[in-house]
C-alpha cells in the first residue's frame, strides 16, 4: 500500500485523469437515463461538454488558470445550449478549489466570482415550476454553498502552504546565521588564543637567549654549567617550536596588527588564586590536586587555567542559588586531567555554546578550540541528578 501511495503522489495527473473518466462515465449514464425517462434525445453537444469538463479535472494541476477559463466557457455553453447540470459539473468545484490553492491571484478571485454566480444563473435557467419561489431561492442558496466552501478550503490551503514555506525559509536563514556566527566565534577565539600564545613563545625564546648568553660566558671557566645551559636551551627550544606550530595553525593574515597590549598569561599554579577569588565572591569551591605536580608546557598550563576559569564563571552565571563546585587537577604520566563540576540547576548546553566567561569566549566553542590547540579532548554535559560537568585531558606532548 505504501508503494502504491508513493506512486500516486509522484503521478497526480494520473489520479486526476482517473476521476475525470469516472465522472464522465457517470454523467453519460445519468444523462441517458434522464432523457429516456423524458422520452427525448440528448443535445449533440452533451458528450463534448462532458469530455471537456473531464479535461478540466485531468489537467487542473498542470494549468489551473487555463482550465478555469475553459470551465467558465463550458458553463456559459451549458446555459446557452440548455445542457442541464450533471455529475460532470463537479469539475467546477474542483477547479475552484485548485485555483484558490495554487493558481494566480486573479484566477482565484475569478473562481470566487463565478462560483457565486453559477448557482443563481443555473437556477434561473432551469427554474423549477413545481416549487415555490421561496423554495427555488432556498435551492439557489444551497447550491452556492459548495462553491464557496471549495474556494475557502483552497484559499486556506494556500495560506497554510505560504506559512510553512515562510517557516522553512526562516529556519534555513537562522541555520545559516548560526553557522556564520559559529565561524566568527571560532575565528575570534583563535585570534585571542594566538595573542595569548605569543607571550608563551616569547617567554621561551627569552629563556633561550639568556641561557645562551650565560653558556657563552662560562664556557671556558665552567664547562658543566655551560652544558646544563645548553640542555636547557635544547628543551626550551623544542617546547617553543611545538607552541609555534600550534600558533601558526590559528594565525590569520593581519591578526598581528590588532590592537591591545600583551600581558603575562596565567598558569596552573594560579588556579589556586582563581579558586580563592571564586570563594570570595560567594561560590563554594572544593579544589584538590591529585598526583605529583610538575612543570608543564606553557600552552597546557594556559589552557588548563582558562578552562577552569570558564567553567567556574558559567557556574556562577547559570548555576543558581546555593550552588557548589569542585575542581580536580590530576597529574598523569603523560598528561593533565581536569574535572570541574557543579551541583546547581545547570545551564542549557546552548548557553555554553553561545556565551563564554568574558563575553567573547563563546563557551564550549572556546574550550574546544583551546583543548584542540594542545591536542587534548573535552567532554561537557549535564550531570545525572542535576548540575554540569566539564572534563578535559591535556597531553604533555602535542599530537602529531
Protein backbone atom coordinates (compact mmCIF):
# COMPACT_ATOMS: atom_id res chain seq x y z
CA UNK A 1 0.00 0.00 0.00
CA UNK A 2 2.81 2.39 0.80
CA UNK A 3 4.36 1.84 -2.64
CA UNK A 4 1.00 2.48 -4.28
CA UNK A 5 0.56 5.65 -2.24
CA UNK A 6 4.04 6.88 -3.17
CA UNK A 7 3.37 6.11 -6.83
CA UNK A 8 0.11 8.08 -6.79
CA UNK A 9 1.86 11.03 -5.13
CA UNK A 10 4.50 11.04 -7.85
CA UNK A 11 1.84 10.94 -10.61
CA UNK A 12 -1.01 13.23 -9.55
CA UNK A 13 -2.18 13.75 -13.15
CA UNK A 14 -2.95 10.05 -13.43
CA UNK A 15 -5.13 10.28 -10.32
CA UNK A 16 -6.97 13.30 -11.71
CA UNK A 17 -7.43 11.52 -15.05
CA UNK A 18 -8.97 8.54 -13.31
CA UNK A 19 -11.55 10.73 -11.59
CA UNK A 20 -12.19 12.57 -14.86
CA UNK A 21 -13.01 9.30 -16.61
CA UNK A 22 -15.13 8.20 -13.68
CA UNK A 23 -17.21 11.40 -13.67
CA UNK A 24 -17.56 11.28 -17.46
CA UNK A 25 -18.98 7.77 -17.27
CA UNK A 26 -21.43 8.67 -14.51
CA UNK A 27 -22.52 11.79 -16.40
CA UNK A 28 -23.17 9.90 -19.63
CA UNK A 29 -25.15 7.20 -17.81
CA UNK A 30 -27.13 9.78 -15.84
CA UNK A 31 -27.91 11.89 -18.91
CA UNK A 32 -29.01 8.82 -20.86
CA UNK A 33 -31.31 7.71 -18.07
CA UNK A 34 -32.81 11.18 -17.75
CA UNK A 35 -33.52 11.51 -21.47
CA UNK A 36 -35.07 8.02 -21.59
CA UNK A 37 -37.33 8.98 -18.71
CA UNK A 38 -38.42 12.08 -20.60
CA UNK A 39 -38.63 10.29 -23.93
CA UNK A 40 -36.37 12.80 -25.66
CA UNK A 41 -32.91 12.83 -27.20
CA UNK A 42 -29.88 14.48 -25.64
CA UNK A 43 -28.37 17.51 -27.39
CA UNK A 44 -25.43 16.65 -29.64
CA UNK A 45 -23.09 18.83 -27.57
CA UNK A 46 -23.63 16.89 -24.34
CA UNK A 47 -20.79 14.43 -24.81
CA UNK A 48 -18.22 17.07 -25.91
CA UNK A 49 -19.11 19.21 -22.89
CA UNK A 50 -18.71 16.22 -20.57
CA UNK A 51 -15.38 15.37 -22.18
CA UNK A 52 -14.09 18.92 -21.78
CA UNK A 53 -15.22 19.04 -18.13
CA UNK A 54 -13.27 15.83 -17.61
CA UNK A 55 -10.28 17.51 -19.22
CA UNK A 56 -10.61 20.36 -16.73
CA UNK A 57 -10.25 17.87 -13.87
CA UNK A 58 -7.42 15.91 -15.53
CA UNK A 59 -5.23 18.97 -16.21
CA UNK A 60 -6.18 21.13 -13.24
CA UNK A 61 -2.75 20.80 -11.58
CA UNK A 62 -0.74 21.39 -14.73
CA UNK A 63 -2.52 24.52 -15.96
CA UNK A 64 -5.06 25.71 -13.38
CA UNK A 65 -5.66 29.19 -14.87
CA UNK A 66 -6.32 27.85 -18.38
CA UNK A 67 -8.60 25.12 -17.07
CA UNK A 68 -10.55 27.72 -15.09
CA UNK A 69 -11.15 29.75 -18.24
CA UNK A 70 -12.20 26.58 -20.08
CA UNK A 71 -14.63 25.76 -17.27
CA UNK A 72 -16.16 29.25 -17.48
CA UNK A 73 -16.65 28.83 -21.24
CA UNK A 74 -18.23 25.40 -20.70
CA UNK A 75 -20.57 26.80 -18.07
CA UNK A 76 -21.74 29.53 -20.44
CA UNK A 77 -22.18 26.89 -23.15
CA UNK A 78 -24.35 24.79 -20.86
CA UNK A 79 -26.58 27.76 -20.16
CA UNK A 80 -26.82 28.71 -23.81
CA UNK A 81 -27.33 25.18 -25.18
CA UNK A 82 -29.70 24.05 -22.42
CA UNK A 83 -27.44 21.26 -21.12
CA UNK A 84 -28.67 20.64 -17.60
CA UNK A 85 -26.29 20.03 -14.72
CA UNK A 86 -24.94 16.52 -14.17
CA UNK A 87 -22.15 14.83 -12.21
CA UNK A 88 -19.58 16.27 -14.63
CA UNK A 89 -20.33 19.73 -13.25
CA UNK A 90 -18.47 18.64 -10.12
CA UNK A 91 -15.44 19.79 -12.12
CA UNK A 92 -16.45 23.40 -11.41
CA UNK A 93 -16.00 22.79 -7.66
CA UNK A 94 -12.66 21.03 -8.26
CA UNK A 95 -11.20 23.82 -10.41
CA UNK A 96 -12.45 26.48 -7.97
CA UNK A 97 -10.57 24.73 -5.16
CA UNK A 98 -7.46 24.24 -7.31
CA UNK A 99 -7.03 27.85 -8.45
CA UNK A 100 -7.74 29.09 -4.92
CA UNK A 101 -4.98 26.83 -3.59
CA UNK A 102 -2.31 27.05 -6.31
CA UNK A 103 -3.41 29.43 -9.06
CA UNK A 104 -2.69 33.08 -9.64
CA UNK A 105 -4.49 35.64 -7.52
CA UNK A 106 -6.61 36.91 -10.40
CA UNK A 107 -7.72 33.35 -11.16
CA UNK A 108 -8.62 32.79 -7.51
CA UNK A 109 -10.78 35.92 -7.45
CA UNK A 110 -12.39 34.96 -10.76
CA UNK A 111 -13.20 31.49 -9.42
CA UNK A 112 -14.90 33.00 -6.37
CA UNK A 113 -16.96 35.40 -8.50
CA UNK A 114 -18.00 32.67 -10.95
CA UNK A 115 -18.84 30.33 -8.07
CA UNK A 116 -21.14 32.93 -6.53
CA UNK A 117 -22.91 33.45 -9.88
CA UNK A 118 -23.07 29.84 -11.11
CA UNK A 119 -25.86 28.53 -8.89
CA UNK A 120 -28.18 31.58 -9.30
CA UNK A 121 -27.75 31.51 -13.09
CA UNK A 122 -28.38 27.77 -13.26
CA UNK A 123 -31.46 28.10 -11.06
CA UNK A 124 -32.83 30.90 -13.19
CA UNK A 125 -32.08 28.94 -16.39
CA UNK A 126 -33.80 25.77 -15.18
CA UNK A 127 -36.47 27.19 -12.91
CA UNK A 128 -38.50 24.50 -11.14
CA UNK A 129 -42.14 25.30 -11.82
CA UNK A 130 -43.30 22.68 -9.32
CA UNK A 131 -41.55 24.51 -6.47
CA UNK A 132 -42.45 27.82 -4.92
CA UNK A 133 -40.34 30.91 -5.38
CA UNK A 134 -39.07 30.61 -1.81
CA UNK A 135 -38.10 27.01 -2.47
CA UNK A 136 -36.22 27.93 -5.62
CA UNK A 137 -34.37 30.67 -3.72
CA UNK A 138 -33.50 28.22 -0.95
CA UNK A 139 -32.21 25.76 -3.52
CA UNK A 140 -30.17 28.55 -5.13
CA UNK A 141 -28.51 29.35 -1.81
CA UNK A 142 -27.97 25.67 -1.05
CA UNK A 143 -26.17 25.15 -4.37
CA UNK A 144 -24.00 28.24 -3.85
CA UNK A 145 -22.58 26.97 -0.54
CA UNK A 146 -20.43 24.16 -2.08
CA UNK A 147 -18.71 26.66 -4.42
CA UNK A 148 -17.92 28.98 -1.51
CA UNK A 149 -16.68 26.10 0.67
CA UNK A 150 -14.47 24.79 -2.14
CA UNK A 151 -12.91 28.22 -2.64
CA UNK A 152 -12.46 28.83 1.12
CA UNK A 153 -10.80 25.43 1.54
CA UNK A 154 -8.42 26.10 -1.35
CA UNK A 155 -7.55 29.57 -0.08
CA UNK A 156 -6.85 28.23 3.41
CA UNK A 157 -4.55 25.60 1.90
CA UNK A 158 -2.71 28.37 0.03
CA UNK A 159 -2.32 30.36 3.27
CA UNK A 160 -1.08 27.32 5.15
CA UNK A 161 1.47 26.45 2.46
CA UNK A 162 2.71 30.03 2.41
CA UNK A 163 3.04 29.95 6.20
CA UNK A 164 5.04 26.72 6.19
CA UNK A 165 7.20 28.00 3.33
CA UNK A 166 7.94 31.09 5.38
CA UNK A 167 8.83 28.96 8.40
CA UNK A 168 11.17 26.82 6.30
CA UNK A 169 12.82 29.89 4.84
CA UNK A 170 13.25 31.40 8.29
CA UNK A 171 14.68 28.16 9.67
CA UNK A 172 17.15 27.94 6.77
CA UNK A 173 18.14 31.57 7.27
CA UNK A 174 18.62 31.08 11.03
CA UNK A 175 20.70 27.97 10.37
CA UNK A 176 22.96 29.91 8.01
CA UNK A 177 23.23 32.76 10.52
CA UNK A 178 24.08 30.32 13.29
CA UNK A 179 26.79 28.70 11.17
CA UNK A 180 28.17 32.13 10.32
CA UNK A 181 28.16 33.16 13.99
CA UNK A 182 29.90 29.93 14.95
CA UNK A 183 32.60 30.56 12.35
CA UNK A 184 33.04 34.12 13.60
CA UNK A 185 33.25 32.85 17.16
CA UNK A 186 35.89 30.29 16.22
CA UNK A 187 37.90 32.90 14.31
CA UNK A 188 37.72 35.37 17.20
CA UNK A 189 38.70 32.72 19.73
CA UNK A 190 41.64 31.57 17.61
CA UNK A 191 42.82 35.16 17.32
CA UNK A 192 42.70 35.55 21.09
CA UNK A 193 44.50 32.24 21.61
CA UNK A 194 47.17 33.38 19.17
CA UNK A 195 47.74 36.56 21.17
CA UNK A 196 47.99 34.56 24.39
CA UNK A 197 50.43 32.06 22.92
CA UNK A 198 52.55 34.95 21.72
CA UNK A 199 53.63 35.50 25.33
CA UNK A 200 54.32 31.80 25.79
CA UNK A 201 56.61 31.64 22.77
CA UNK A 202 58.23 34.97 23.62
CA UNK A 203 58.99 33.70 27.12
CA UNK A 204 60.62 30.52 25.79
CA UNK A 205 62.74 32.46 23.32
CA UNK A 206 63.82 34.87 26.06
CA UNK A 207 64.90 31.92 28.23
CA UNK A 208 66.91 30.53 25.34
CA UNK A 209 68.66 33.85 24.78
CA UNK A 210 69.55 34.23 28.46
CA UNK A 211 70.83 30.67 28.70
CA UNK A 212 72.85 31.05 25.52
CA UNK A 213 74.50 34.24 26.81
CA UNK A 214 75.29 32.50 30.11
CA UNK A 215 76.71 29.44 28.39
CA UNK A 216 78.97 31.59 26.23
CA UNK A 217 80.18 33.45 29.32
CA UNK A 218 81.10 30.33 31.37
CA UNK A 219 82.07 28.04 28.51
CA UNK A 220 85.79 28.04 29.36
CA UNK A 221 85.60 28.59 33.13
CA UNK A 222 82.73 26.18 33.98
CA UNK A 223 82.04 23.64 31.24
CA UNK A 224 79.46 21.78 33.40
CA UNK A 225 77.36 24.90 33.80
CA UNK A 226 77.63 25.59 30.10
CA UNK A 227 76.48 22.04 29.32
CA UNK A 228 73.49 22.44 31.63
CA UNK A 229 72.60 25.73 29.97
CA UNK A 230 72.77 24.12 26.54
CA UNK A 231 70.46 21.32 27.72
CA UNK A 232 68.00 23.95 28.94
CA UNK A 233 68.21 25.71 25.59
CA UNK A 234 67.53 22.44 23.78
CA UNK A 235 64.43 21.52 25.82
CA UNK A 236 63.12 25.07 25.78
CA UNK A 237 63.64 25.30 22.02
CA UNK A 238 61.68 22.11 21.39
CA UNK A 239 58.86 23.40 23.56
CA UNK A 240 58.89 26.74 21.75
CA UNK A 241 58.77 25.02 18.36
CA UNK A 242 55.76 22.96 19.48
CA UNK A 243 53.96 26.10 20.64
CA UNK A 244 54.80 27.88 17.39
CA UNK A 245 53.32 25.03 15.33
CA UNK A 246 50.05 25.41 17.19
CA UNK A 247 50.24 29.17 16.88
CA UNK A 248 50.73 29.08 13.10
CA UNK A 249 47.69 26.87 12.81
CA UNK A 250 45.39 29.63 14.03
CA UNK A 251 47.08 32.80 12.86
CA UNK A 252 45.34 34.71 10.08
CA UNK A 253 46.69 37.46 7.88
CA UNK A 254 46.51 40.79 9.61
CA UNK A 255 45.78 39.46 13.11
CA UNK A 256 49.17 40.60 14.33
CA UNK A 257 48.05 44.16 13.60
CA UNK A 258 45.19 44.06 16.10
CA UNK A 259 45.46 46.45 18.95
CA UNK A 260 45.87 45.61 22.60
CA UNK A 261 48.80 45.11 24.93
CA UNK A 262 50.28 41.71 25.58
CA UNK A 263 50.29 40.69 29.23
CA UNK A 264 51.73 37.67 31.07
CA UNK A 265 49.33 34.73 30.95
CA UNK A 266 48.29 32.61 33.96
CA UNK A 267 49.41 29.05 34.61
CA UNK A 268 48.30 26.05 36.67
CA UNK A 269 49.69 27.44 39.93
CA UNK A 270 47.37 30.42 39.66
CA UNK A 271 44.29 28.18 39.61
CA UNK A 272 44.50 28.21 43.39
CA UNK A 273 44.20 32.02 43.33
CA UNK A 274 41.28 31.73 40.92
CA UNK A 275 39.51 29.32 43.27
CA UNK A 276 40.08 31.68 46.23
CA UNK A 277 38.64 34.52 44.18
CA UNK A 278 35.52 32.46 43.44
CA UNK A 279 35.16 31.59 47.12
CA UNK A 280 35.43 35.26 47.99
CA UNK A 281 32.58 36.01 45.57
CA UNK A 282 30.31 33.53 47.38
CA UNK A 283 30.79 30.35 45.33
CA UNK A 284 31.96 27.39 47.46
CA UNK A 285 34.65 25.55 45.53
CA UNK A 286 36.35 22.32 46.57
CA UNK A 287 39.81 22.27 44.99
CA UNK A 288 42.03 19.19 45.02
CA UNK A 289 45.21 18.18 43.23
CA UNK A 290 45.94 14.51 42.65
CA UNK A 291 49.23 13.14 41.52
CA UNK A 292 52.63 14.78 41.70
CA UNK A 293 52.71 18.38 40.41
CA UNK A 294 55.49 19.08 37.97
CA UNK A 295 56.36 21.66 35.29
CA UNK A 296 54.09 21.56 32.25
CA UNK A 297 54.30 23.11 28.80
CA UNK A 298 53.17 26.72 28.97
CA UNK A 299 50.38 26.13 26.44
CA UNK A 300 48.95 23.30 28.55
CA UNK A 301 49.04 25.41 31.70
CA UNK A 302 47.34 28.31 29.98
CA UNK A 303 44.64 26.02 28.54
CA UNK A 304 44.01 24.41 31.94
CA UNK A 305 43.65 27.78 33.64
CA UNK A 306 41.25 29.13 31.01
CA UNK A 307 39.05 26.01 31.11
CA UNK A 308 38.71 26.21 34.90
CA UNK A 309 38.05 29.94 34.67
CA UNK A 310 35.38 29.44 32.00
CA UNK A 311 33.67 26.61 33.90
CA UNK A 312 33.55 28.42 37.26
CA UNK A 313 32.30 31.62 35.67
CA UNK A 314 29.47 29.72 33.95
CA UNK A 315 28.65 28.08 37.28
CA UNK A 316 28.25 31.50 38.88
CA UNK A 317 26.16 32.74 35.96
CA UNK A 318 23.88 29.75 35.41
CA UNK A 319 24.13 27.51 38.48
CA UNK A 320 21.51 29.32 40.55
CA UNK A 321 21.49 29.98 44.30
CA UNK A 322 23.23 27.71 46.83
CA UNK A 323 25.40 26.15 44.15
CA UNK A 324 28.69 24.47 44.96
CA UNK A 325 31.51 23.48 42.63
CA UNK A 326 34.52 21.21 42.68
CA UNK A 327 37.77 21.37 40.73
CA UNK A 328 40.10 18.40 40.32
CA UNK A 329 43.55 18.53 38.75
CA UNK A 330 45.04 15.11 38.12
CA UNK A 331 48.68 14.73 37.05
CA UNK A 332 49.14 11.64 34.90
CA UNK A 333 52.41 10.37 33.49
CA UNK A 334 51.57 11.66 30.02
CA UNK A 335 49.03 14.39 30.63
CA UNK A 336 46.95 16.61 32.88
CA UNK A 337 43.34 15.82 33.70
CA UNK A 338 40.73 18.44 34.59
CA UNK A 339 37.32 17.86 36.13
CA UNK A 340 35.04 20.77 37.02
CA UNK A 341 31.56 20.00 38.35
CA UNK A 342 28.73 21.92 39.98
CA UNK A 343 25.51 20.83 41.69
CA UNK A 344 23.31 23.73 40.56
CA UNK A 345 20.38 23.71 38.22
CA UNK A 346 22.87 23.86 35.38
CA UNK A 347 22.90 25.90 32.18
CA UNK A 348 21.40 24.63 28.94
CA UNK A 349 24.02 23.25 26.59
CA UNK A 350 23.18 26.05 24.12
CA UNK A 351 24.12 28.74 26.66
CA UNK A 352 27.61 27.31 26.96
CA UNK A 353 27.83 27.37 23.18
CA UNK A 354 26.63 30.96 22.90
CA UNK A 355 28.26 32.87 25.76
CA UNK A 356 31.57 32.50 27.47
CA UNK A 357 33.10 33.78 30.63
CA UNK A 358 34.16 37.14 29.29
CA UNK A 359 31.57 37.63 26.59
CA UNK A 360 33.99 36.72 23.81
CA UNK A 361 34.96 33.10 24.52
CA UNK A 362 31.69 31.64 23.29
CA UNK A 363 31.52 28.90 25.91
CA UNK A 364 32.24 25.41 24.70
CA UNK A 365 33.36 26.68 21.31
CA UNK A 366 36.27 28.44 23.01
CA UNK A 367 37.02 25.49 25.25
CA UNK A 368 37.15 23.08 22.33
CA UNK A 369 39.43 25.39 20.40
CA UNK A 370 41.81 25.65 23.37
CA UNK A 371 41.84 21.92 24.02
CA UNK A 372 42.29 21.20 20.31
CA UNK A 373 45.30 23.53 20.25
CA UNK A 374 47.19 21.27 22.64
CA UNK A 375 45.88 18.04 21.10
CA UNK A 376 43.56 17.18 24.02
CA UNK A 377 39.98 16.03 24.43
CA UNK A 378 36.97 17.73 26.05
CA UNK A 379 33.71 16.28 27.35
CA UNK A 380 30.92 18.50 28.68
CA UNK A 381 27.30 17.91 29.60
CA UNK A 382 24.68 17.73 32.38
CA UNK A 383 25.34 15.57 35.42
CA UNK A 384 22.90 12.85 36.50
CA UNK A 385 20.72 14.41 39.17
CA UNK A 386 21.46 18.00 38.21
CA UNK A 387 24.39 20.26 37.61
CA UNK A 388 27.00 20.37 34.89
CA UNK A 389 30.31 18.59 34.33
CA UNK A 390 33.32 19.57 32.23
CA UNK A 391 36.23 17.18 31.90
CA UNK A 392 39.35 17.57 29.81
CA UNK A 393 42.52 15.64 29.20
CA UNK A 394 45.53 17.66 28.10
CA UNK A 395 48.52 15.65 26.83
CA UNK A 396 52.01 16.82 27.74
CA UNK A 397 53.19 16.19 24.18
CA UNK A 398 51.31 17.56 21.18
CA UNK A 399 49.63 15.04 18.92
CA UNK A 400 51.33 14.57 15.51
